[in-house]
Amino acid sequence: MEHIELFFKSIFIDNMVFATFLGMCSYLAVSKKVSTAVGLGAAVIFVLAVTVPLNWLLDQYILKEGALVWLGPEYAEYDLSFLSFIMFIATIATMVQLVEIIVEKFSPSLYNSLGIFLPLIAVNCAILGGSLFMQSREIPSLGLALTYGVGSGIGWFLAILAIAAIREKIRYSAVPPALRGLGITFIITGLMAIGFMSFGGMLTGGDEKKEEKSKVEAQVEKEEVKKEAKEIVAQNTTIN
């Protein structure tokens, strides 16, 4: 249940593009055609699915305070968290290089259409953001880190696929000259972000019910305590 909740939350509620506006450079530049958007989106899913779990392992066993205790008790006080950025980026750059080699080998046309934006995945803030969010939210297990990486990648994929499909359609629409190009794209992105915000009720509704239930239980316990206290006072009065 926890995996499913985190998966859908990372896709719809904490969407990299519509919730935190990360990875906007590639999102805007490579969303003119659906075919190129699908290729880049698939690459982002793969990179996030691999780098987030790998960086989780780095954080748990090397970077965080006390992570080096497995080397011996004398290393328990070491804190290498200041190396998080450089270690995470090194992992991401390695995976992006692997993706670039695979795409160039098996799909030269996609490689040429993506151009400079494929190697730029290495410095895509959405990719680094996935690992940093994983670290800051203290995701407890490797499995949940994998779920979060895949969900975040799918969320970014859906965002760029949706805007690419819309941009292909509005190419033939009567858009005002002042808004053509990036202008109308920003407006559509803002409207889509507002739509994705509505998914926040998927989880908050359940949380509110739990809070209401806990308040009722607390009130009942308080009344029971008061009742027991009155009985004790009454018994003491009778004895006296």
Protein backbone atom coordinates (compact mmCIF):
# COMPACT_ATOMS: atom_id res chain seq x y z
CA MET A 1 0.00 0.00 0.00
CA GLU A 2 2.87 2.35 0.84
CA HIS A 3 4.47 1.73 -2.56
CA ILE A 4 1.21 2.43 -4.41
CA GLU A 5 0.60 5.63 -2.44
CA LEU A 6 4.15 6.90 -3.08
CA PHE A 7 3.94 5.92 -6.76
CA PHE A 8 0.76 7.87 -7.49
CA LYS A 9 1.81 10.76 -5.27
CA SER A 10 5.08 11.20 -7.18
CA ILE A 11 3.23 11.12 -10.52
CA PHE A 12 0.25 13.38 -9.87
CA ILE A 13 0.66 15.31 -6.61
CA ASP A 14 4.44 15.93 -6.50
CA ASN A 15 4.85 16.06 -10.28
CA MET A 16 8.33 17.33 -11.15
CA VAL A 17 7.04 19.78 -13.77
CA PHE A 18 3.65 20.91 -12.48
CA ALA A 19 4.35 20.90 -8.72
CA THR A 20 8.00 21.98 -8.48
CA PHE A 21 8.64 23.26 -12.06
CA LEU A 22 11.88 21.28 -12.39
CA GLY A 23 13.31 20.28 -15.76
CA MET A 24 11.57 23.13 -17.57
CA CYS A 25 14.40 23.73 -20.07
CA SER A 26 14.08 20.29 -21.68
CA TYR A 27 10.31 20.34 -21.16
CA LEU A 28 9.95 23.49 -23.26
CA ALA A 29 12.63 22.79 -25.86
CA VAL A 30 11.88 19.16 -26.76
CA SER A 31 8.07 19.28 -26.62
CA LYS A 32 7.45 20.46 -30.18
CA LYS A 33 6.90 16.88 -31.44
CA VAL A 34 5.34 13.91 -29.68
CA SER A 35 7.98 11.52 -31.05
CA THR A 36 10.91 13.41 -29.55
CA ALA A 37 8.99 14.00 -26.31
CA VAL A 38 8.40 10.25 -25.95
CA GLY A 39 12.09 9.52 -26.52
CA LEU A 40 13.32 12.05 -23.99
CA GLY A 41 10.62 11.09 -21.50
CA ALA A 42 11.63 7.41 -21.69
CA ALA A 43 15.27 8.40 -21.14
CA VAL A 44 14.30 10.45 -18.08
CA ILE A 45 12.29 7.52 -16.63
CA PHE A 46 15.29 5.22 -17.06
CA VAL A 47 17.77 7.67 -15.55
CA LEU A 48 15.54 8.44 -12.54
CA ALA A 49 14.72 4.74 -12.00
CA VAL A 50 18.44 3.93 -11.82
CA THR A 51 19.96 7.00 -10.16
CA VAL A 52 17.48 7.48 -7.28
CA PRO A 53 18.05 3.95 -5.83
CA LEU A 54 21.80 4.20 -6.44
CA ASN A 55 21.96 7.56 -4.70
CA TRP A 56 19.84 6.13 -1.87
CA LEU A 57 22.51 3.48 -1.34
CA LEU A 58 25.22 6.15 -1.44
CA ASP A 59 23.34 8.25 1.09
CA GLN A 60 22.62 5.36 3.46
CA TYR A 61 26.03 3.71 3.46
CA ILE A 62 28.49 6.53 2.71
CA LEU A 63 27.15 10.09 2.94
CA LYS A 64 24.78 10.53 5.87
CA GLU A 65 25.98 11.00 9.42
CA GLY A 66 27.00 7.66 10.92
CA ALA A 67 26.67 5.84 7.59
CA LEU A 68 30.27 4.61 7.72
CA VAL A 69 29.69 2.64 10.91
CA TRP A 70 29.86 -0.56 8.85
CA LEU A 71 33.61 0.13 8.47
CA GLY A 72 34.06 0.14 12.23
CA PRO A 73 32.92 2.01 15.36
CA GLU A 74 35.67 4.61 14.92
CA TYR A 75 33.91 5.84 11.74
CA ALA A 76 30.51 6.31 13.39
CA GLU A 77 30.91 10.08 13.83
CA TYR A 78 31.87 10.80 10.22
CA ASP A 79 29.40 12.94 8.24
CA LEU A 80 30.02 13.18 4.46
CA SER A 81 26.66 14.74 3.59
CA PHE A 82 28.48 17.81 2.20
CA LEU A 83 29.53 15.57 -0.72
CA SER A 84 25.92 14.77 -1.66
CA PHE A 85 25.74 17.10 -4.66
CA ILE A 86 28.97 15.99 -6.30
CA MET A 87 28.32 12.28 -5.66
CA PHE A 88 24.74 12.45 -6.92
CA ILE A 89 25.79 14.35 -10.05
CA ALA A 90 28.59 11.84 -10.74
CA THR A 91 26.09 8.98 -10.58
CA ILE A 92 23.64 10.83 -12.83
CA ALA A 93 26.33 11.73 -15.39
CA THR A 94 27.40 8.08 -15.60
CA MET A 95 23.85 6.88 -16.25
CA VAL A 96 23.19 9.64 -18.80
CA GLN A 97 26.34 8.69 -20.68
CA LEU A 98 25.05 5.11 -20.80
CA VAL A 99 21.65 6.27 -22.11
CA GLU A 100 23.34 8.43 -24.75
CA ILE A 101 25.39 5.49 -26.02
CA ILE A 102 22.30 3.23 -26.17
CA VAL A 103 20.14 5.81 -27.98
CA GLU A 104 22.89 6.61 -30.49
CA LYS A 105 23.38 2.89 -31.17
CA PHE A 106 19.77 1.80 -31.59
CA SER A 107 17.97 5.00 -32.69
CA PRO A 108 20.22 7.47 -34.54
CA SER A 109 17.23 9.49 -35.75
CA LEU A 110 16.00 10.04 -32.18
CA TYR A 111 19.56 10.85 -31.11
CA ASN A 112 19.82 13.53 -33.81
CA SER A 113 16.38 14.98 -33.02
CA LEU A 114 17.15 15.26 -29.30
CA GLY A 115 20.48 16.94 -30.04
CA ILE A 116 22.18 18.65 -27.13
CA PHE A 117 19.27 18.01 -24.75
CA LEU A 118 20.11 14.32 -24.35
CA PRO A 119 23.53 14.88 -22.71
CA LEU A 120 21.99 17.83 -20.84
CA ILE A 121 19.91 15.32 -18.85
CA ALA A 122 23.03 15.07 -16.68
CA VAL A 123 22.42 18.62 -15.45
CA ASN A 124 18.63 18.44 -15.66
CA CYS A 125 17.35 19.77 -12.34
CA ALA A 126 14.49 17.24 -12.39
CA ILE A 127 16.98 14.35 -12.31
CA LEU A 128 19.02 15.85 -9.49
CA GLY A 129 15.83 16.96 -7.75
CA GLY A 130 14.61 13.36 -7.60
CA SER A 131 17.69 12.30 -5.63
CA LEU A 132 17.64 15.38 -3.39
CA PHE A 133 13.93 14.96 -2.62
CA MET A 134 14.61 11.30 -1.83
CA GLN A 135 17.30 12.39 0.61
CA SER A 136 15.35 15.24 2.24
CA ARG A 137 12.18 13.16 2.65
CA GLU A 138 14.23 10.35 4.21
CA ILE A 139 12.71 7.55 2.14
CA PRO A 140 13.25 4.51 4.39
CA SER A 141 13.97 1.64 1.97
CA LEU A 142 15.58 0.85 -1.37
CA GLY A 143 12.28 -0.43 -2.76
CA LEU A 144 10.50 2.83 -1.94
CA ALA A 145 13.39 4.78 -3.50
CA LEU A 146 12.95 2.77 -6.71
CA THR A 147 9.20 3.40 -6.62
CA TYR A 148 9.77 7.11 -6.13
CA GLY A 149 12.30 7.27 -8.99
CA VAL A 150 10.03 5.44 -11.43
CA GLY A 151 6.97 7.47 -10.37
CA SER A 152 8.81 10.79 -10.71
CA GLY A 153 10.07 9.77 -14.16
CA ILE A 154 6.59 8.78 -15.32
CA GLY A 155 5.21 12.07 -14.00
CA TRP A 156 7.78 14.03 -16.02
CA PHE A 157 7.08 11.82 -19.04
CA LEU A 158 3.33 12.47 -18.85
CA ALA A 159 3.94 16.20 -18.53
CA ILE A 160 6.15 16.51 -21.62
CA LEU A 161 3.94 14.11 -23.59
CA ALA A 162 0.81 16.13 -22.78
CA ILE A 163 2.34 19.49 -23.70
CA ALA A 164 3.84 18.03 -26.90
CA ALA A 165 0.45 16.72 -28.01
CA ILE A 166 -1.17 20.08 -27.27
CA ARG A 167 1.57 22.04 -29.08
CA GLU A 168 1.15 19.90 -32.18
CA LYS A 169 -2.58 20.72 -32.20
CA ILE A 170 -2.35 24.44 -31.49
CA ARG A 171 0.13 24.82 -34.34
CA TYR A 172 -2.92 24.99 -36.58
CA SER A 173 -4.96 27.18 -34.22
CA ALA A 174 -5.48 30.94 -34.38
CA VAL A 175 -3.16 31.86 -31.50
CA PRO A 176 -2.62 35.64 -31.07
CA PRO A 177 0.78 36.62 -32.54
CA ALA A 178 2.06 37.93 -29.20
CA LEU A 179 1.45 34.55 -27.54
CA ARG A 180 2.78 32.21 -30.22
CA GLY A 181 5.61 29.88 -29.24
CA LEU A 182 6.66 29.90 -25.61
CA GLY A 183 3.98 32.38 -24.53
CA ILE A 184 1.01 30.07 -25.09
CA THR A 185 3.11 27.12 -23.86
CA PHE A 186 3.67 28.81 -20.50
CA ILE A 187 -0.04 29.61 -20.20
CA ILE A 188 -1.04 26.00 -20.98
CA THR A 189 1.57 24.72 -18.52
CA GLY A 190 0.14 26.93 -15.78
CA LEU A 191 -3.39 25.69 -16.47
CA MET A 192 -2.23 22.07 -16.44
CA ALA A 193 -0.42 22.70 -13.15
CA ILE A 194 -3.65 24.00 -11.62
CA GLY A 195 -5.38 20.83 -12.83
CA PHE A 196 -2.72 18.60 -11.28
CA MET A 197 -3.09 20.45 -7.96
CA SER A 198 -6.58 18.98 -7.68
CA PHE A 199 -5.03 15.54 -7.28
CA GLY A 200 -3.81 16.67 -3.86
CA GLY A 201 -7.22 15.77 -2.47
CA MET A 202 -6.52 12.10 -3.23
CA LEU A 203 -4.45 11.85 -0.03
CA THR A 204 -5.44 14.87 2.06
CA GLY A 205 -9.04 13.66 2.29
CA GLY A 206 -7.93 10.45 3.95
CA ASP A 207 -5.60 12.33 6.28
CA GLU A 208 -8.40 14.65 7.38
CA LYS A 209 -10.62 11.67 8.18
CA LYS A 210 -7.86 10.10 10.23
CA GLU A 211 -7.36 13.38 12.13
CA GLU A 212 -11.09 13.66 12.81
CA LYS A 213 -11.16 10.07 14.02
CA SER A 214 -8.21 10.61 16.34
CA LYS A 215 -9.87 13.75 17.77
CA VAL A 216 -13.06 11.80 18.50
CA GLU A 217 -11.08 9.00 20.16
CA ALA A 218 -9.17 11.53 22.26
CA GLN A 219 -12.43 13.17 23.35
CA VAL A 220 -13.92 9.78 24.33
CA GLU A 221 -10.80 8.91 26.35
CA LYS A 222 -10.94 12.29 28.08
CA GLU A 223 -14.60 11.75 29.05
CA GLU A 224 -13.80 8.25 30.36
CA VAL A 225 -10.97 9.65 32.50
CA LYS A 226 -13.29 12.32 33.90
CA LYS A 227 -15.92 9.68 34.68
CA GLU A 228 -13.38 7.47 36.48
CA ALA A 229 -12.12 10.47 38.44
CA LYS A 230 -15.67 11.32 39.58
CA GLU A 231 -16.26 7.71 40.69
CA ILE A 232 -13.03 7.71 42.70
CA VAL A 233 -13.98 10.99 44.37
CA ALA A 234 -17.46 9.64 45.15
CA GLN A 235 -16.00 6.46 46.70
CA ASN A 236 -13.59 8.47 48.86
CA THR A 237 -16.46 10.69 50.04
CA THR A 238 -18.55 7.63 51.01
CA ILE A 239 -15.66 6.09 52.95
CA ASN A 240 -15.03 9.33 54.84
